[in-house]
Amino acid sequence: MQTRAFDATIVREPGKTDSQWRLHYSVTLPALGCDFFRLTGTKGPGTGESFKQFPVQSGDLILADRGYATGPGLHYLAQADARVIVRVNTGVLRFLTPEGEPFDLLPAVETIHQAGKVGVWNVAVQADTPLNGRLCALRKTPEAIQEAHEQIRRTATRKGKTPRDCSWRFARYVLLFTTFPEQEFPACKVLEWYRLRWQVDLVFKRFKSLAQLGICPNSIRRVSLHGCTANYWLPC
């Protein structure tokens, strides 16, 4: 069994070319070692954040942010018998009750009124083949809610859009979907484990301050980053 945190970041080439790539990176926990990475372009099919960017195997325990919360990606992990804790993307994931009826997410989580309180529901990700798991929700502190609302305002201003009412309401909660076994990982433990995902962000900060990718004239290059060696694709 191996615990892994997945994420991706944009790497920009310095200079006039202003070329950029997306770095898909997997960190093992608690060792913080890289066990896989891949560089792709930032546009076009096969370049976005997805669990399918990573090889997985039976027993893997995967932590990932909301960019990875898609039905096809979650089914990819399930087919490999890997387990996941992923931040819910409320604009993408749709859930069903254990009886197969639509699960109304916002009214359910808004039954949690006190900061620090946790709710949990058995649900299935709505797809051609529903994927069973649990929805775990934590009500944020007033300070954390204010910070989340400020982030919504900044994003809306930058993009010139008006936030939807549900965005303000969902921002009051941390929402996670998990297929971790309930006997070993009750809801509170799921929320605690998800905090470990931030380790991959810290790796990115160190990586960007130390690594020099430079200009890559060849389509295929072999590199070593933090002790992790892998083939990756770069656009010419």
Protein backbone atom coordinates (compact mmCIF):
# COMPACT_ATOMS: atom_id res chain seq x y z
CA MET A 1 0.00 0.00 0.00
CA GLN A 2 1.38 3.40 -1.01
CA THR A 3 0.03 6.88 -0.28
CA ARG A 4 0.50 9.32 -3.16
CA ALA A 5 -0.43 12.98 -3.72
CA PHE A 6 -1.10 14.07 -7.33
CA ASP A 7 -1.07 17.58 -8.72
CA ALA A 8 0.02 19.63 -11.71
CA THR A 9 1.60 23.03 -12.26
CA ILE A 10 2.52 25.23 -15.19
CA VAL A 11 6.22 25.53 -16.05
CA ARG A 12 7.16 28.52 -18.20
CA GLU A 13 10.33 28.78 -20.21
CA PRO A 14 12.14 32.06 -19.51
CA GLY A 15 12.97 34.37 -22.38
CA LYS A 16 11.24 35.56 -25.52
CA THR A 17 9.71 32.22 -26.49
CA ASP A 18 7.46 32.17 -23.41
CA SER A 19 6.81 28.47 -24.03
CA GLN A 20 5.00 26.64 -21.27
CA TRP A 21 4.24 23.09 -20.24
CA ARG A 22 2.16 21.35 -17.61
CA LEU A 23 4.08 19.27 -15.08
CA HIS A 24 2.08 16.30 -13.73
CA TYR A 25 3.71 15.19 -10.49
CA SER A 26 3.21 12.38 -7.98
CA VAL A 27 4.70 12.52 -4.47
CA THR A 28 4.80 9.59 -2.07
CA LEU A 29 3.89 10.21 1.56
CA PRO A 30 5.36 10.55 4.10
CA ALA A 31 8.73 10.18 2.32
CA LEU A 32 8.02 13.12 -0.07
CA GLY A 33 9.78 11.28 -2.87
CA CYS A 34 8.74 11.66 -6.50
CA ASP A 35 7.61 8.34 -7.96
CA PHE A 36 6.38 9.66 -11.33
CA PHE A 37 6.21 12.83 -13.38
CA ARG A 38 5.28 13.82 -16.90
CA LEU A 39 5.54 17.05 -18.89
CA THR A 40 2.88 17.77 -21.50
CA GLY A 41 1.69 20.78 -23.39
CA THR A 42 -0.95 23.03 -21.87
CA LYS A 43 -3.44 22.93 -24.74
CA GLY A 44 -5.12 20.15 -26.65
CA PRO A 45 -6.33 16.63 -25.82
CA GLY A 46 -4.41 14.72 -23.17
CA THR A 47 -2.79 17.75 -21.54
CA GLY A 48 -5.20 18.59 -18.70
CA GLU A 49 -5.21 17.55 -15.06
CA SER A 50 -6.44 13.97 -14.88
CA PHE A 51 -5.83 10.82 -12.87
CA LYS A 52 -5.21 9.18 -16.24
CA GLN A 53 -1.90 11.07 -16.47
CA PHE A 54 -0.52 8.76 -13.78
CA PRO A 55 0.12 5.01 -13.60
CA VAL A 56 -1.65 3.51 -10.58
CA GLN A 57 -1.77 0.07 -9.07
CA SER A 58 -3.86 -1.92 -6.64
CA GLY A 59 -3.67 -0.62 -3.10
CA ASP A 60 -2.57 2.92 -3.97
CA LEU A 61 -4.11 5.61 -1.75
CA ILE A 62 -4.45 8.78 -3.83
CA LEU A 63 -4.94 12.38 -2.63
CA ALA A 64 -5.88 15.08 -5.16
CA ASP A 65 -7.49 18.50 -5.50
CA ARG A 66 -10.77 19.38 -7.24
CA GLY A 67 -9.21 19.58 -10.71
CA TYR A 68 -9.09 15.77 -10.69
CA ALA A 69 -12.70 15.27 -9.57
CA THR A 70 -14.24 13.82 -12.72
CA GLY A 71 -16.24 10.65 -13.24
CA PRO A 72 -13.89 9.11 -15.86
CA GLY A 73 -10.83 9.79 -13.71
CA LEU A 74 -12.39 8.28 -10.61
CA HIS A 75 -13.44 5.19 -12.56
CA TYR A 76 -9.87 4.88 -13.86
CA LEU A 77 -8.66 4.58 -10.26
CA ALA A 78 -11.44 2.17 -9.31
CA GLN A 79 -10.58 -0.13 -12.21
CA ALA A 80 -7.01 -0.30 -10.90
CA ASP A 81 -8.30 -1.04 -7.38
CA ALA A 82 -6.82 2.22 -6.07
CA ARG A 83 -8.50 4.34 -3.37
CA VAL A 84 -8.95 8.10 -3.48
CA ILE A 85 -9.67 11.21 -1.44
CA VAL A 86 -10.46 14.09 -3.80
CA ARG A 87 -11.83 17.60 -3.29
CA VAL A 88 -15.31 17.81 -4.83
CA ASN A 89 -15.70 19.95 -7.94
CA THR A 90 -19.33 20.99 -7.44
CA GLY A 91 -19.61 22.10 -11.06
CA VAL A 92 -18.63 18.68 -12.42
CA LEU A 93 -19.50 15.83 -10.06
CA ARG A 94 -23.10 14.71 -9.65
CA PHE A 95 -24.08 12.26 -6.94
CA LEU A 96 -26.74 9.62 -6.39
CA THR A 97 -28.22 8.26 -3.16
CA PRO A 98 -27.67 4.57 -2.32
CA GLU A 99 -31.16 4.01 -3.79
CA GLY A 100 -30.10 5.51 -7.10
CA GLU A 101 -31.96 8.81 -6.75
CA PRO A 102 -30.30 12.20 -7.42
CA PHE A 103 -28.49 13.45 -4.31
CA ASP A 104 -29.10 17.18 -3.72
CA LEU A 105 -25.66 18.24 -2.54
CA LEU A 106 -26.12 21.83 -1.38
CA PRO A 107 -29.17 21.30 0.88
CA ALA A 108 -27.43 18.29 2.41
CA VAL A 109 -24.22 20.08 3.39
CA GLU A 110 -26.10 23.17 4.58
CA THR A 111 -27.52 21.08 7.42
CA ILE A 112 -24.06 21.57 9.01
CA HIS A 113 -24.29 24.92 10.79
CA GLN A 114 -21.43 24.86 13.31
CA ALA A 115 -17.79 25.48 12.42
CA GLY A 116 -15.69 22.35 12.71
CA LYS A 117 -18.64 19.97 12.49
CA VAL A 118 -18.44 17.11 10.00
CA GLY A 119 -21.15 15.44 7.94
CA VAL A 120 -20.90 12.23 5.96
CA TRP A 121 -23.20 10.60 3.40
CA ASN A 122 -23.02 7.38 1.42
CA VAL A 123 -23.27 8.38 -2.24
CA ALA A 124 -22.36 7.25 -5.72
CA VAL A 125 -20.75 9.34 -8.46
CA GLN A 126 -23.30 9.63 -11.26
CA ALA A 127 -21.93 8.01 -14.42
CA ASP A 128 -22.68 5.20 -16.87
CA THR A 129 -21.53 2.90 -14.06
CA PRO A 130 -22.08 4.60 -10.66
CA LEU A 131 -19.06 4.57 -8.35
CA ASN A 132 -19.87 4.12 -4.66
CA GLY A 133 -18.12 6.13 -1.98
CA ARG A 134 -18.66 8.68 0.77
CA LEU A 135 -19.13 12.41 0.75
CA CYS A 136 -17.42 14.07 3.73
CA ALA A 137 -18.15 17.73 4.52
CA LEU A 138 -16.57 20.09 7.04
CA ARG A 139 -18.01 23.50 7.96
CA LYS A 140 -15.21 26.09 7.82
CA THR A 141 -14.49 28.69 10.50
CA PRO A 142 -15.84 32.23 9.92
CA GLU A 143 -12.28 33.37 9.13
CA ALA A 144 -11.79 30.63 6.55
CA ILE A 145 -15.18 31.40 4.99
CA GLN A 146 -14.26 35.07 4.69
CA GLU A 147 -10.98 34.15 3.01
CA ALA A 148 -12.78 31.82 0.58
CA HIS A 149 -15.28 34.57 -0.28
CA GLU A 150 -12.45 37.03 -0.90
CA GLN A 151 -10.90 34.53 -3.30
CA ILE A 152 -14.22 34.26 -5.15
CA ARG A 153 -14.37 38.07 -5.44
CA ARG A 154 -10.82 38.30 -6.77
CA THR A 155 -11.42 35.57 -9.32
CA ALA A 156 -14.70 37.14 -10.45
CA THR A 157 -13.05 40.53 -10.85
CA ARG A 158 -10.18 39.07 -12.86
CA LYS A 159 -12.50 37.16 -15.18
CA GLY A 160 -15.20 39.84 -15.36
CA LYS A 161 -17.92 37.44 -14.20
CA THR A 162 -20.61 37.49 -11.52
CA PRO A 163 -20.31 34.57 -9.06
CA ARG A 164 -23.31 32.29 -8.72
CA ASP A 165 -25.15 32.18 -5.41
CA CYS A 166 -24.22 28.52 -4.92
CA SER A 167 -20.51 29.41 -5.18
CA TRP A 168 -20.76 31.62 -2.07
CA ARG A 169 -22.67 28.90 -0.23
CA PHE A 170 -20.41 25.98 -1.17
CA ALA A 171 -17.38 28.08 -0.15
CA ARG A 172 -18.41 27.64 3.49
CA TYR A 173 -17.45 23.96 3.38
CA VAL A 174 -14.62 21.58 2.61
CA LEU A 175 -16.19 18.85 0.47
CA LEU A 176 -14.40 15.57 -0.18
CA PHE A 177 -15.33 12.39 -2.01
CA THR A 178 -13.57 9.21 -0.94
CA THR A 179 -13.46 5.51 -1.66
CA PHE A 180 -11.21 4.83 1.34
CA PRO A 181 -12.68 1.99 3.45
CA GLU A 182 -14.98 3.37 6.15
CA GLN A 183 -13.76 0.90 8.80
CA GLU A 184 -10.20 2.25 8.60
CA PHE A 185 -10.95 5.84 7.58
CA PRO A 186 -13.94 7.46 9.29
CA ALA A 187 -14.92 10.90 8.03
CA CYS A 188 -12.72 12.84 10.48
CA LYS A 189 -9.69 10.79 9.46
CA VAL A 190 -10.47 11.35 5.77
CA LEU A 191 -10.40 15.11 6.36
CA GLU A 192 -7.14 14.84 8.30
CA TRP A 193 -5.47 12.81 5.56
CA TYR A 194 -6.54 15.23 2.86
CA ARG A 195 -4.46 17.93 4.53
CA LEU A 196 -1.37 15.96 3.54
CA ARG A 197 -2.09 16.85 -0.09
CA TRP A 198 -0.54 20.27 0.52
CA GLN A 199 2.87 18.61 0.61
CA VAL A 200 2.89 18.41 -3.18
CA ASP A 201 2.36 22.20 -3.37
CA LEU A 202 5.40 22.70 -1.15
CA VAL A 203 7.38 20.43 -3.47
CA PHE A 204 6.35 22.62 -6.42
CA LYS A 205 7.61 25.74 -4.63
CA ARG A 206 10.99 24.12 -3.99
CA PHE A 207 11.08 22.74 -7.52
CA LYS A 208 10.46 26.13 -9.15
CA SER A 209 13.13 27.77 -7.02
CA LEU A 210 15.78 25.15 -7.84
CA ALA A 211 15.09 23.53 -11.23
CA GLN A 212 16.12 25.08 -14.55
CA LEU A 213 14.27 23.42 -17.43
CA GLY A 214 15.66 25.74 -20.11
CA ILE A 215 15.01 25.36 -23.81
CA CYS A 216 14.20 21.83 -24.96
CA PRO A 217 15.07 21.38 -28.65
CA ASN A 218 14.19 17.66 -28.77
CA SER A 219 10.80 16.00 -28.49
CA ILE A 220 11.96 13.44 -25.96
CA ARG A 221 14.41 14.08 -23.15
CA ARG A 222 15.36 12.14 -20.05
CA VAL A 223 15.76 14.12 -16.84
CA SER A 224 16.03 13.57 -13.10
CA LEU A 225 14.07 15.76 -10.66
CA HIS A 226 14.40 15.22 -6.90
CA GLY A 227 15.62 11.68 -7.53
CA CYS A 228 12.75 10.82 -9.87
CA THR A 229 13.70 9.79 -13.40
CA ALA A 230 11.10 9.41 -16.14
CA ASN A 231 10.50 9.86 -19.83
CA TYR A 232 8.32 12.77 -20.74
CA TRP A 233 6.97 14.44 -23.86
CA LEU A 234 7.66 18.06 -24.82
CA PRO A 235 6.21 19.92 -27.79
CA CYS A 236 8.87 21.20 -30.20
